[in-house]
Amino acid sequence: MLQIRYKHVLLLSISAVFVVAVFFLREDISSVSRPIIEEVHDKISPPPELPKKPKYKETSSVPYPPVKENFPLAQAAHSAADLPPIPSWNAPPKPHVEEKTPLFIGFTRNWRVLQQVVVSYITAGWPAEDIYVIENTGVMDSNKNGLLSLQNPFFLNHTRLNMLGVNVIQTPTLFTFAQLQNFYLYTSIQKKWDYYFWSHMDIIVASYEDRDPPATPEQPAPHHEEPHKFRSVYQNCLLALRKTLALPKTEPWAMRFFSYDRLALVNVQTFIDVGGWDTLIPFYTTDCDMHFRLSDSGYSIEEVPVGMVYDVAASLDDLVVMYRQQPGSGPGPFKVPLQPTFKDPNVIEAELQAIADSEAKAAHDGLNSTLLETRQEDLIPRQDDWHEDTAIPSPSQSFLDLLHTYDAITASKHASSRGRNTWQARATGGKGEPFYRDSAGFETGIQMTIEHGRRVFGQKWGHRDCDLPQQGLHVGDEWRVVQDWE
């Protein structure tokens, strides 16, 4: 028995010695191998580099002149009573006509242009309470709560529009053109409107004050011995609406254009019947798609003259001239400039380029240029001096003066070397304000979205241009036709 016990003790001792030896051997190996492994790892994976510095695009050092209020009288007004009265010959009917006449005007950027079109409609006879500005800025309640500045491209003055008597409806988020059009349709369905008018914001409307409307098959030109029968823009739109609503059911209608779709009348049910606007085509050519589907489905679209509609990209310096008010008359001492004026954006941009070129040359020559400080003030649109001691032109002359200026603003838009819609990206401020977007970057994104929509249109119809009927296409051919371009 004793021998067996010794054997067990001996085995246990040997096992303990083995365990201790393995432990110390492992530590020795680990201490020797760790620096070797780390050295190998360092050679295989070098230490991480510092983050790269982005290379920024070159930008102009010369800012566009700051945005100025283009209705100073309204800015200083405490209520609608402080504004001039609407020209009596253009005043809307009171009481309101039996028909509902809602007018949608969409807004995303450029408050000056938006305020101009609203005032032009009001002074051309459209009831202010029937005008609905659709705030499609994507800034949530920031404008409603007065959180954006005038320099912000997406600034909209809710207080001003309410004082003018105009309604404001906010979209839940930023919509494309096609989505905005469907929002008009949706809003009309919710309000149980069978039809609605809609207008672009970059226009000015004016009544035919010195002439008869152009003749149409439904409305021939009057005899020369008949006196000029005046109707405001609103009255002519109302007349076109009544004639359209009186059509028999055998003549279904979709739209009435009053200057293409710069001002248009829409039949809600026909737009529902064809499925609304195709939101896969966000901007340009979506109108070609929609109007083709309507006409090919048998719904009429006709052009009706109701007034003068000017396609513009700039604003009058002071909108008070649209009221044609004389000093001392009306509720308050209103004063009207002798001539309506505007600052041509093309001239401003040319002068800005000259300043930028001069600064670049001065920097190259090592000079300390002060050209910007001395010239910037000249670029800011200014209100003409008031002329209280000069006779105010007659209404007809004031009307012709307005038309002359509207013609000049229209010509400026179409003469721009940078395209027709530079007015949308003219303001560049607002940094640090809620939902801030870089103006140039936003415009770049819009242009990319426009190009995407053009490609979708081409794939949808197999043809890139708007002449779809001439290609023998019909509703039902969507996405089925082989593309006809290389």
Protein backbone atom coordinates (compact mmCIF):
# COMPACT_ATOMS: atom_id res chain seq x y z
CA MET A 1 0.00 0.00 0.00
CA LEU A 2 2.79 2.38 0.91
CA GLN A 3 4.45 1.91 -2.43
CA ILE A 4 1.28 2.74 -4.29
CA ARG A 5 0.88 5.96 -2.24
CA TYR A 6 4.44 7.02 -3.11
CA LYS A 7 3.71 6.40 -6.74
CA HIS A 8 0.69 8.74 -6.59
CA VAL A 9 2.71 11.43 -4.84
CA LEU A 10 5.43 11.12 -7.42
CA LEU A 11 2.95 11.44 -10.30
CA LEU A 12 1.31 14.47 -8.76
CA SER A 13 4.67 16.14 -8.24
CA ILE A 14 5.70 15.51 -11.81
CA SER A 15 2.36 16.93 -13.05
CA ALA A 16 2.76 20.06 -10.94
CA VAL A 17 6.29 20.62 -12.20
CA PHE A 18 5.03 20.21 -15.81
CA VAL A 19 2.24 22.74 -15.36
CA VAL A 20 4.58 25.32 -13.80
CA ALA A 21 7.13 24.81 -16.53
CA VAL A 22 4.55 25.24 -19.30
CA PHE A 23 3.25 28.44 -17.72
CA PHE A 24 6.66 30.10 -17.48
CA LEU A 25 7.66 28.89 -20.93
CA ARG A 26 4.49 30.41 -22.44
CA GLU A 27 5.23 33.77 -20.82
CA ASP A 28 8.79 33.72 -22.14
CA ILE A 29 7.66 32.89 -25.68
CA SER A 30 4.94 35.58 -25.55
CA SER A 31 7.36 38.25 -24.36
CA VAL A 32 9.80 37.37 -27.12
CA SER A 33 7.21 37.06 -29.96
CA ARG A 34 5.09 40.19 -29.22
CA PRO A 35 7.65 42.75 -30.45
CA ILE A 36 8.34 40.60 -33.50
CA ILE A 37 4.60 40.45 -34.39
CA GLU A 38 4.14 44.17 -33.83
CA GLU A 39 7.16 44.92 -36.02
CA VAL A 40 5.78 42.77 -38.83
CA HIS A 41 2.29 44.36 -38.46
CA ASP A 42 3.74 47.85 -38.68
CA LYS A 43 5.53 46.94 -41.91
CA ILE A 44 2.37 45.45 -43.44
CA SER A 45 -0.15 48.20 -42.30
CA PRO A 46 1.35 51.68 -42.06
CA PRO A 47 -0.29 54.11 -39.63
CA PRO A 48 -3.50 55.77 -41.02
CA GLU A 49 -3.07 59.05 -42.89
CA LEU A 50 -4.74 62.27 -41.81
CA PRO A 51 -8.13 63.05 -43.53
CA LYS A 52 -7.76 64.62 -46.97
CA LYS A 53 -8.61 68.28 -47.39
CA PRO A 54 -11.43 68.78 -49.94
CA LYS A 55 -10.71 70.91 -52.96
CA TYR A 56 -13.42 73.56 -53.18
CA LYS A 57 -14.85 75.04 -56.35
CA GLU A 58 -13.99 78.57 -57.29
CA THR A 59 -16.73 81.06 -56.48
CA SER A 60 -17.21 84.70 -57.36
CA SER A 61 -15.98 87.11 -54.72
CA VAL A 62 -18.52 89.73 -55.83
CA PRO A 63 -21.96 89.18 -54.25
CA TYR A 64 -25.21 89.99 -56.05
CA PRO A 65 -26.71 93.22 -54.70
CA PRO A 66 -28.93 92.61 -51.66
CA VAL A 67 -32.64 92.02 -52.24
CA LYS A 68 -34.71 95.15 -51.68
CA GLU A 69 -38.39 95.42 -50.79
CA ASN A 70 -40.37 96.25 -53.93
CA PHE A 71 -43.51 97.53 -52.19
CA PRO A 72 -42.32 100.04 -49.56
CA LEU A 73 -45.82 101.41 -48.99
CA ALA A 74 -47.12 97.95 -48.04
CA GLN A 75 -44.05 97.39 -45.88
CA ALA A 76 -44.92 100.48 -43.85
CA ALA A 77 -48.67 99.77 -43.78
CA HIS A 78 -50.43 98.58 -40.64
CA SER A 79 -53.52 97.27 -42.40
CA ALA A 80 -55.16 97.01 -45.81
CA ALA A 81 -56.69 100.46 -45.20
CA ASP A 82 -53.21 101.93 -45.60
CA LEU A 83 -52.94 100.62 -49.18
CA PRO A 84 -54.18 102.43 -52.28
CA PRO A 85 -57.56 101.39 -53.67
CA ILE A 86 -57.72 99.13 -56.70
CA PRO A 87 -58.25 101.13 -59.92
CA SER A 88 -62.02 101.61 -60.08
CA TRP A 89 -62.33 100.31 -63.64
CA ASN A 90 -60.61 97.07 -62.62
CA ALA A 91 -62.34 96.59 -59.28
CA PRO A 92 -63.79 93.09 -58.76
CA PRO A 93 -67.58 92.74 -58.72
CA LYS A 94 -69.32 93.18 -55.38
CA PRO A 95 -71.01 91.12 -54.20
CA HIS A 96 -68.94 88.21 -55.47
CA VAL A 97 -70.21 86.48 -58.58
CA GLU A 98 -72.08 83.20 -58.18
CA GLU A 99 -69.20 81.15 -59.58
CA LYS A 100 -66.18 80.20 -57.51
CA THR A 101 -63.00 81.50 -59.12
CA PRO A 102 -60.01 80.10 -57.17
CA LEU A 103 -56.61 81.01 -58.61
CA PHE A 104 -53.52 79.01 -57.57
CA ILE A 105 -50.07 80.63 -57.76
CA GLY A 106 -47.18 78.38 -56.77
CA PHE A 107 -44.14 79.80 -55.00
CA THR A 108 -40.70 78.36 -54.26
CA ARG A 109 -38.16 81.19 -54.70
CA ASN A 110 -37.96 84.98 -55.25
CA TRP A 111 -40.38 86.99 -53.10
CA ARG A 112 -40.14 90.14 -55.26
CA VAL A 113 -41.42 88.35 -58.36
CA LEU A 114 -44.18 86.60 -56.38
CA GLN A 115 -45.41 89.81 -54.75
CA GLN A 116 -45.44 91.48 -58.17
CA VAL A 117 -47.69 88.88 -59.79
CA VAL A 118 -50.08 88.92 -56.82
CA VAL A 119 -50.41 92.72 -56.96
CA SER A 120 -50.84 92.59 -60.73
CA TYR A 121 -53.77 90.17 -60.39
CA ILE A 122 -55.36 92.21 -57.61
CA THR A 123 -55.07 95.46 -59.57
CA ALA A 124 -56.38 93.69 -62.70
CA GLY A 125 -59.59 92.83 -60.88
CA TRP A 126 -59.11 89.33 -59.41
CA PRO A 127 -60.77 89.13 -55.98
CA ALA A 128 -57.93 88.87 -53.47
CA GLU A 129 -59.88 86.34 -51.41
CA ASP A 130 -59.91 84.00 -54.43
CA ILE A 131 -56.11 84.00 -54.82
CA TYR A 132 -54.26 81.07 -53.22
CA VAL A 133 -50.49 81.33 -52.99
CA ILE A 134 -49.14 77.80 -52.56
CA GLU A 135 -45.98 78.03 -50.48
CA ASN A 136 -43.84 75.24 -51.91
CA THR A 137 -40.58 76.14 -50.17
CA GLY A 138 -39.97 73.05 -48.05
CA VAL A 139 -39.13 75.20 -44.99
CA MET A 140 -42.11 73.98 -42.94
CA ASP A 141 -43.46 76.84 -40.73
CA SER A 142 -40.31 78.97 -40.94
CA ASN A 143 -41.92 81.65 -43.13
CA LYS A 144 -45.19 81.57 -41.25
CA ASN A 145 -43.27 82.17 -38.02
CA GLY A 146 -41.12 84.91 -39.60
CA LEU A 147 -37.83 83.03 -39.23
CA LEU A 148 -36.37 83.70 -42.70
CA SER A 149 -34.82 86.93 -43.97
CA LEU A 150 -35.55 88.79 -47.19
CA GLN A 151 -32.15 87.66 -48.51
CA ASN A 152 -33.18 84.01 -48.29
CA PRO A 153 -34.35 82.70 -51.71
CA PHE A 154 -37.22 80.85 -49.99
CA PHE A 155 -38.49 83.87 -48.01
CA LEU A 156 -42.25 84.46 -48.17
CA ASN A 157 -44.06 87.19 -46.24
CA HIS A 158 -47.26 85.62 -44.87
CA THR A 159 -48.22 88.82 -43.06
CA ARG A 160 -48.02 90.85 -46.28
CA LEU A 161 -50.10 88.41 -48.28
CA ASN A 162 -52.72 88.25 -45.54
CA MET A 163 -52.88 92.05 -45.48
CA LEU A 164 -53.44 92.01 -49.24
CA GLY A 165 -56.34 89.64 -48.59
CA VAL A 166 -54.64 86.64 -50.22
CA ASN A 167 -54.73 83.05 -48.91
CA VAL A 168 -51.56 81.03 -48.27
CA ILE A 169 -51.50 77.22 -48.32
CA GLN A 170 -48.32 75.37 -47.38
CA THR A 171 -47.25 72.15 -49.05
CA PRO A 172 -46.15 69.40 -46.60
CA THR A 173 -42.71 69.23 -48.25
CA LEU A 174 -40.86 70.59 -51.28
CA PHE A 175 -42.68 69.44 -54.43
CA THR A 176 -41.49 69.25 -58.02
CA PHE A 177 -43.60 71.01 -60.66
CA ALA A 178 -45.58 67.84 -61.44
CA GLN A 179 -46.19 67.12 -57.76
CA LEU A 180 -47.29 70.73 -57.22
CA GLN A 181 -49.80 70.42 -60.05
CA ASN A 182 -51.22 67.29 -58.46
CA PHE A 183 -51.41 69.21 -55.18
CA TYR A 184 -53.61 71.80 -56.94
CA LEU A 185 -55.80 68.94 -58.08
CA TYR A 186 -55.85 67.36 -54.61
CA THR A 187 -56.73 70.67 -52.95
CA SER A 188 -59.59 71.26 -55.40
CA ILE A 189 -60.97 67.78 -54.74
CA GLN A 190 -60.85 68.40 -50.99
CA LYS A 191 -62.61 71.75 -51.38
CA LYS A 192 -65.12 70.25 -53.83
CA TRP A 193 -64.20 72.65 -56.63
CA ASP A 194 -65.14 71.41 -60.10
CA TYR A 195 -62.55 73.67 -61.73
CA TYR A 196 -59.78 76.09 -60.83
CA PHE A 197 -57.46 78.64 -62.40
CA TRP A 198 -53.71 78.49 -61.97
CA SER A 199 -50.89 80.82 -62.90
CA HIS A 200 -47.13 80.99 -63.08
CA MET A 201 -45.52 83.38 -60.60
CA ASP A 202 -43.02 84.85 -63.09
CA ILE A 203 -45.61 86.85 -65.02
CA ILE A 204 -47.43 90.17 -64.93
CA VAL A 205 -51.06 90.47 -66.06
CA ALA A 206 -52.73 93.60 -67.39
CA SER A 207 -56.24 94.28 -68.67
CA TYR A 208 -57.01 95.41 -72.20
CA GLU A 209 -57.53 99.04 -71.17
CA ASP A 210 -56.83 100.67 -74.52
CA ARG A 211 -58.01 98.07 -77.00
CA ASP A 212 -60.50 95.32 -77.70
CA PRO A 213 -59.51 91.72 -77.00
CA PRO A 214 -58.22 89.83 -80.05
CA ALA A 215 -61.00 88.23 -82.05
CA THR A 216 -61.79 84.53 -81.65
CA PRO A 217 -64.31 82.27 -83.44
CA GLU A 218 -66.54 82.45 -80.37
CA GLN A 219 -66.08 86.21 -80.00
CA PRO A 220 -65.64 88.06 -83.33
CA ALA A 221 -64.09 91.51 -83.44
CA PRO A 222 -66.61 94.33 -82.86
CA HIS A 223 -67.57 96.71 -85.63
CA HIS A 224 -65.37 99.78 -85.83
CA GLU A 225 -68.29 102.08 -85.05
CA GLU A 226 -68.90 100.27 -81.76
CA PRO A 227 -67.19 101.82 -78.74
CA HIS A 228 -64.47 99.88 -76.93
CA LYS A 229 -66.11 97.60 -74.37
CA PHE A 230 -63.80 97.30 -71.42
CA ARG A 231 -63.52 94.16 -69.33
CA SER A 232 -60.79 93.46 -66.80
CA VAL A 233 -58.62 90.35 -66.88
CA TYR A 234 -60.88 88.85 -64.21
CA GLN A 235 -64.07 89.68 -66.10
CA ASN A 236 -62.72 88.12 -69.29
CA CYS A 237 -61.68 84.97 -67.40
CA LEU A 238 -65.15 84.83 -65.86
CA LEU A 239 -66.72 85.16 -69.31
CA ALA A 240 -64.53 82.34 -70.65
CA LEU A 241 -65.48 80.18 -67.66
CA ARG A 242 -69.20 80.72 -68.20
CA LYS A 243 -68.96 79.90 -71.90
CA THR A 244 -66.99 76.75 -71.11
CA LEU A 245 -69.39 75.58 -68.40
CA ALA A 246 -72.28 76.07 -70.85
CA LEU A 247 -70.83 73.55 -73.31
CA PRO A 248 -72.93 70.42 -73.90
CA LYS A 249 -71.70 67.17 -72.38
CA THR A 250 -70.91 65.97 -75.88
CA GLU A 251 -68.06 68.52 -75.93
CA PRO A 252 -65.93 67.55 -72.92
CA TRP A 253 -63.22 70.05 -72.05
CA ALA A 254 -59.95 69.84 -70.16
CA MET A 255 -58.32 73.29 -70.15
CA ARG A 256 -58.57 76.83 -71.36
CA PHE A 257 -55.25 78.54 -71.97
CA PHE A 258 -55.16 82.32 -71.61
CA SER A 259 -51.48 82.61 -72.55
CA TYR A 260 -50.49 78.98 -72.90
CA ASP A 261 -50.44 77.76 -69.28
CA ARG A 262 -49.06 80.99 -67.82
CA LEU A 263 -52.71 81.47 -66.88
CA ALA A 264 -55.05 78.52 -67.35
CA LEU A 265 -58.44 77.11 -66.39
CA VAL A 266 -58.57 73.42 -65.41
CA ASN A 267 -61.45 70.92 -65.36
CA VAL A 268 -60.88 68.79 -62.25
CA GLN A 269 -62.77 65.71 -63.43
CA THR A 270 -60.92 65.37 -66.72
CA PHE A 271 -57.58 65.53 -64.93
CA ILE A 272 -58.80 62.78 -62.63
CA ASP A 273 -59.93 60.73 -65.63
CA VAL A 274 -56.45 60.67 -67.18
CA GLY A 275 -54.68 59.99 -63.89
CA GLY A 276 -53.24 63.40 -63.08
CA TRP A 277 -49.71 64.57 -63.74
CA ASP A 278 -46.91 62.05 -64.20
CA THR A 279 -44.60 62.74 -61.25
CA LEU A 280 -41.85 60.60 -62.83
CA ILE A 281 -41.37 63.59 -65.15
CA PRO A 282 -40.74 66.26 -62.51
CA PHE A 283 -40.36 69.49 -64.51
CA TYR A 284 -39.99 70.29 -68.21
CA THR A 285 -41.86 68.09 -70.72
CA THR A 286 -44.29 66.99 -68.00
CA ASP A 287 -46.69 69.55 -69.52
CA CYS A 288 -46.23 67.97 -72.95
CA ASP A 289 -47.06 64.58 -71.44
CA MET A 290 -50.14 65.84 -69.59
CA HIS A 291 -51.61 67.93 -72.38
CA PHE A 292 -51.08 65.14 -74.91
CA ARG A 293 -52.88 62.61 -72.73
CA LEU A 294 -55.78 65.02 -72.28
CA SER A 295 -56.20 65.90 -75.94
CA ASP A 296 -55.67 62.33 -77.13
CA SER A 297 -58.41 61.24 -74.71
CA GLY A 298 -60.86 63.56 -76.44
CA TYR A 299 -60.85 66.55 -74.07
CA SER A 300 -60.58 69.99 -75.64
CA ILE A 301 -57.82 72.50 -74.86
CA GLU A 302 -58.35 75.93 -76.37
CA GLU A 303 -56.61 79.31 -76.25
CA VAL A 304 -58.74 82.29 -75.19
CA PRO A 305 -57.45 85.91 -74.96
CA VAL A 306 -58.39 87.54 -71.66
CA GLY A 307 -55.68 90.13 -71.15
CA MET A 308 -51.99 90.80 -71.59
CA VAL A 309 -49.69 88.29 -69.89
CA TYR A 310 -46.01 89.21 -69.66
CA ASP A 311 -43.33 86.57 -69.08
CA VAL A 312 -40.83 88.28 -66.74
CA ALA A 313 -37.75 87.58 -64.65
CA ALA A 314 -37.45 90.84 -62.70
CA SER A 315 -39.63 93.17 -60.71
CA LEU A 316 -40.66 96.78 -60.83
CA ASP A 317 -38.74 98.88 -58.34
CA ASP A 318 -42.01 99.90 -56.66
CA LEU A 319 -45.30 98.06 -57.14
CA VAL A 320 -47.36 101.07 -56.09
CA VAL A 321 -47.41 102.17 -59.75
CA MET A 322 -49.77 99.27 -60.49
CA TYR A 323 -52.46 101.02 -58.42
CA ARG A 324 -52.32 104.13 -60.67
CA GLN A 325 -53.06 106.25 -57.62
CA GLN A 326 -52.82 110.04 -57.65
CA PRO A 327 -51.45 112.08 -54.73
CA GLY A 328 -53.91 113.04 -52.04
CA SER A 329 -56.77 110.80 -53.18
CA GLY A 330 -57.81 107.60 -51.49
CA PRO A 331 -57.11 106.59 -47.89
CA GLY A 332 -53.82 108.38 -47.31
CA PRO A 333 -51.33 110.68 -49.04
CA PHE A 334 -50.33 108.28 -51.81
CA LYS A 335 -47.66 109.41 -54.20
CA VAL A 336 -46.93 107.73 -57.50
CA PRO A 337 -43.65 108.03 -59.44
CA LEU A 338 -44.03 109.60 -62.85
CA GLN A 339 -42.55 106.54 -64.52
CA PRO A 340 -42.53 102.87 -63.50
CA THR A 341 -38.92 101.70 -63.32
CA PHE A 342 -36.93 98.52 -62.97
CA LYS A 343 -33.26 97.61 -62.82
CA ASP A 344 -32.30 95.27 -65.66
CA PRO A 345 -30.67 92.14 -64.17
CA ASN A 346 -28.60 91.73 -67.33
CA VAL A 347 -27.01 95.13 -66.70
CA ILE A 348 -26.35 94.22 -63.06
CA GLU A 349 -24.74 90.93 -64.05
CA ALA A 350 -22.56 92.63 -66.66
CA GLU A 351 -21.42 95.19 -64.10
CA LEU A 352 -20.75 92.47 -61.55
CA GLN A 353 -18.62 90.64 -64.09
CA ALA A 354 -16.70 93.82 -64.79
CA ILE A 355 -16.09 94.26 -61.06
CA ALA A 356 -14.94 90.65 -60.72
CA ASP A 357 -12.57 91.04 -63.67
CA SER A 358 -11.18 94.28 -62.22
CA GLU A 359 -10.67 92.70 -58.80
CA ALA A 360 -8.93 89.72 -60.35
CA LYS A 361 -6.63 92.02 -62.29
CA ALA A 362 -5.97 94.13 -59.18
CA ALA A 363 -5.16 91.02 -57.16
CA HIS A 364 -2.83 89.83 -59.91
CA ASP A 365 -1.09 93.22 -59.98
CA GLY A 366 -0.88 93.35 -56.18
CA LEU A 367 -3.15 96.38 -55.91
CA ASN A 368 -5.64 97.16 -53.16
CA SER A 369 -8.81 97.63 -55.17
CA THR A 370 -11.78 99.45 -53.71
CA LEU A 371 -13.89 99.15 -56.85
CA LEU A 372 -16.53 96.98 -55.20
CA GLU A 373 -17.20 99.47 -52.42
CA THR A 374 -17.53 102.35 -54.84
CA ARG A 375 -19.73 100.55 -57.34
CA GLN A 376 -21.92 98.24 -55.26
CA GLU A 377 -24.31 100.98 -54.24
CA ASP A 378 -24.94 101.84 -57.88
CA LEU A 379 -26.15 98.30 -58.51
CA ILE A 380 -28.93 98.42 -55.92
CA PRO A 381 -32.32 99.26 -57.49
CA ARG A 382 -33.50 102.60 -56.21
CA GLN A 383 -36.91 104.18 -56.03
CA ASP A 384 -37.23 107.19 -58.28
CA ASP A 385 -37.63 110.55 -56.57
CA TRP A 386 -41.20 111.59 -55.81
CA HIS A 387 -42.43 114.51 -57.93
CA GLU A 388 -45.20 116.14 -55.97
CA ASP A 389 -45.08 119.34 -57.97
CA THR A 390 -45.47 117.67 -61.37
CA ALA A 391 -48.77 116.78 -63.00
CA ILE A 392 -49.60 113.09 -62.83
CA PRO A 393 -50.10 111.49 -66.28
CA SER A 394 -53.61 110.65 -67.37
CA PRO A 395 -54.75 107.06 -66.77
CA SER A 396 -54.22 106.16 -70.41
CA GLN A 397 -50.69 107.52 -70.34
CA SER A 398 -49.90 105.79 -67.05
CA PHE A 399 -51.17 102.57 -68.61
CA LEU A 400 -48.93 102.97 -71.64
CA ASP A 401 -45.98 103.71 -69.36
CA LEU A 402 -46.63 100.46 -67.51
CA LEU A 403 -46.88 98.47 -70.73
CA HIS A 404 -43.62 99.96 -71.96
CA THR A 405 -41.89 98.88 -68.76
CA TYR A 406 -43.48 95.42 -68.86
CA ASP A 407 -42.18 95.04 -72.41
CA ALA A 408 -38.69 95.97 -71.21
CA ILE A 409 -38.81 93.47 -68.33
CA THR A 410 -39.98 90.75 -70.73
CA ALA A 411 -37.22 91.58 -73.22
CA SER A 412 -34.68 91.44 -70.41
CA LYS A 413 -35.75 87.91 -69.50
CA HIS A 414 -35.40 86.60 -73.03
CA ALA A 415 -32.13 88.44 -73.65
CA SER A 416 -30.37 86.86 -70.67
CA SER A 417 -27.28 84.93 -71.71
CA ARG A 418 -27.74 82.68 -68.68
CA GLY A 419 -31.23 81.48 -69.60
CA ARG A 420 -34.81 82.49 -68.90
CA ASN A 421 -35.04 81.35 -65.30
CA THR A 422 -32.08 83.02 -63.61
CA TRP A 423 -34.61 84.92 -61.46
CA GLN A 424 -35.10 81.76 -59.40
CA ALA A 425 -31.55 81.68 -58.04
CA ARG A 426 -30.86 85.39 -57.73
CA ALA A 427 -31.01 85.60 -53.92
CA THR A 428 -28.17 83.79 -52.18
CA GLY A 429 -28.54 84.64 -48.49
CA GLY A 430 -30.09 82.96 -45.48
CA LYS A 431 -27.12 80.95 -44.24
CA GLY A 432 -27.76 79.76 -40.70
CA GLU A 433 -31.55 80.10 -41.01
CA PRO A 434 -33.89 77.08 -40.70
CA PHE A 435 -33.78 74.63 -43.61
CA TYR A 436 -30.96 76.59 -45.26
CA ARG A 437 -29.97 75.44 -48.75
CA ASP A 438 -27.04 76.67 -50.77
CA SER A 439 -28.62 78.65 -53.61
CA ALA A 440 -26.21 77.58 -56.34
CA GLY A 441 -26.26 73.97 -55.19
CA PHE A 442 -30.05 73.91 -55.08
CA GLU A 443 -30.20 75.26 -58.63
CA THR A 444 -27.70 72.64 -59.81
CA GLY A 445 -29.84 69.90 -58.27
CA ILE A 446 -32.97 71.27 -59.97
CA GLN A 447 -31.23 71.31 -63.36
CA MET A 448 -30.11 67.70 -62.88
CA THR A 449 -33.67 66.72 -61.98
CA ILE A 450 -34.95 68.50 -65.10
CA GLU A 451 -32.57 66.50 -67.29
CA HIS A 452 -33.63 63.27 -65.60
CA GLY A 453 -37.27 64.10 -66.37
CA ARG A 454 -36.47 64.69 -70.02
CA ARG A 455 -34.89 61.24 -70.21
CA VAL A 456 -37.94 59.66 -68.57
CA PHE A 457 -40.24 61.40 -71.07
CA GLY A 458 -38.15 60.09 -73.97
CA GLN A 459 -38.20 56.53 -72.67
CA LYS A 460 -41.93 56.71 -71.90
CA TRP A 461 -42.96 57.73 -75.41
CA GLY A 462 -39.96 56.58 -77.48
CA HIS A 463 -39.62 60.20 -78.62
CA ARG A 464 -37.87 63.17 -77.02
CA ASP A 465 -39.87 66.12 -78.35
CA CYS A 466 -43.39 67.33 -77.60
CA ASP A 467 -44.78 66.61 -81.07
CA LEU A 468 -46.22 63.26 -79.99
CA PRO A 469 -49.36 63.37 -82.19
CA GLN A 470 -47.20 63.87 -85.30
CA GLN A 471 -45.39 60.64 -84.43
CA GLY A 472 -48.64 58.68 -84.58
CA LEU A 473 -48.59 58.04 -80.82
CA HIS A 474 -51.66 57.53 -78.65
CA VAL A 475 -52.56 56.98 -75.03
CA GLY A 476 -51.72 53.35 -74.35
CA ASP A 477 -48.38 53.52 -76.17
CA GLU A 478 -46.52 54.53 -73.01
CA TRP A 479 -43.34 52.54 -72.40
CA ARG A 480 -44.04 50.30 -75.42
CA VAL A 481 -42.44 52.23 -78.29
CA VAL A 482 -38.84 51.75 -79.40
CA GLN A 483 -36.86 55.01 -79.06
CA ASP A 484 -36.48 56.88 -82.34
CA TRP A 485 -33.05 58.42 -81.69
CA GLU A 486 -29.55 57.04 -81.88
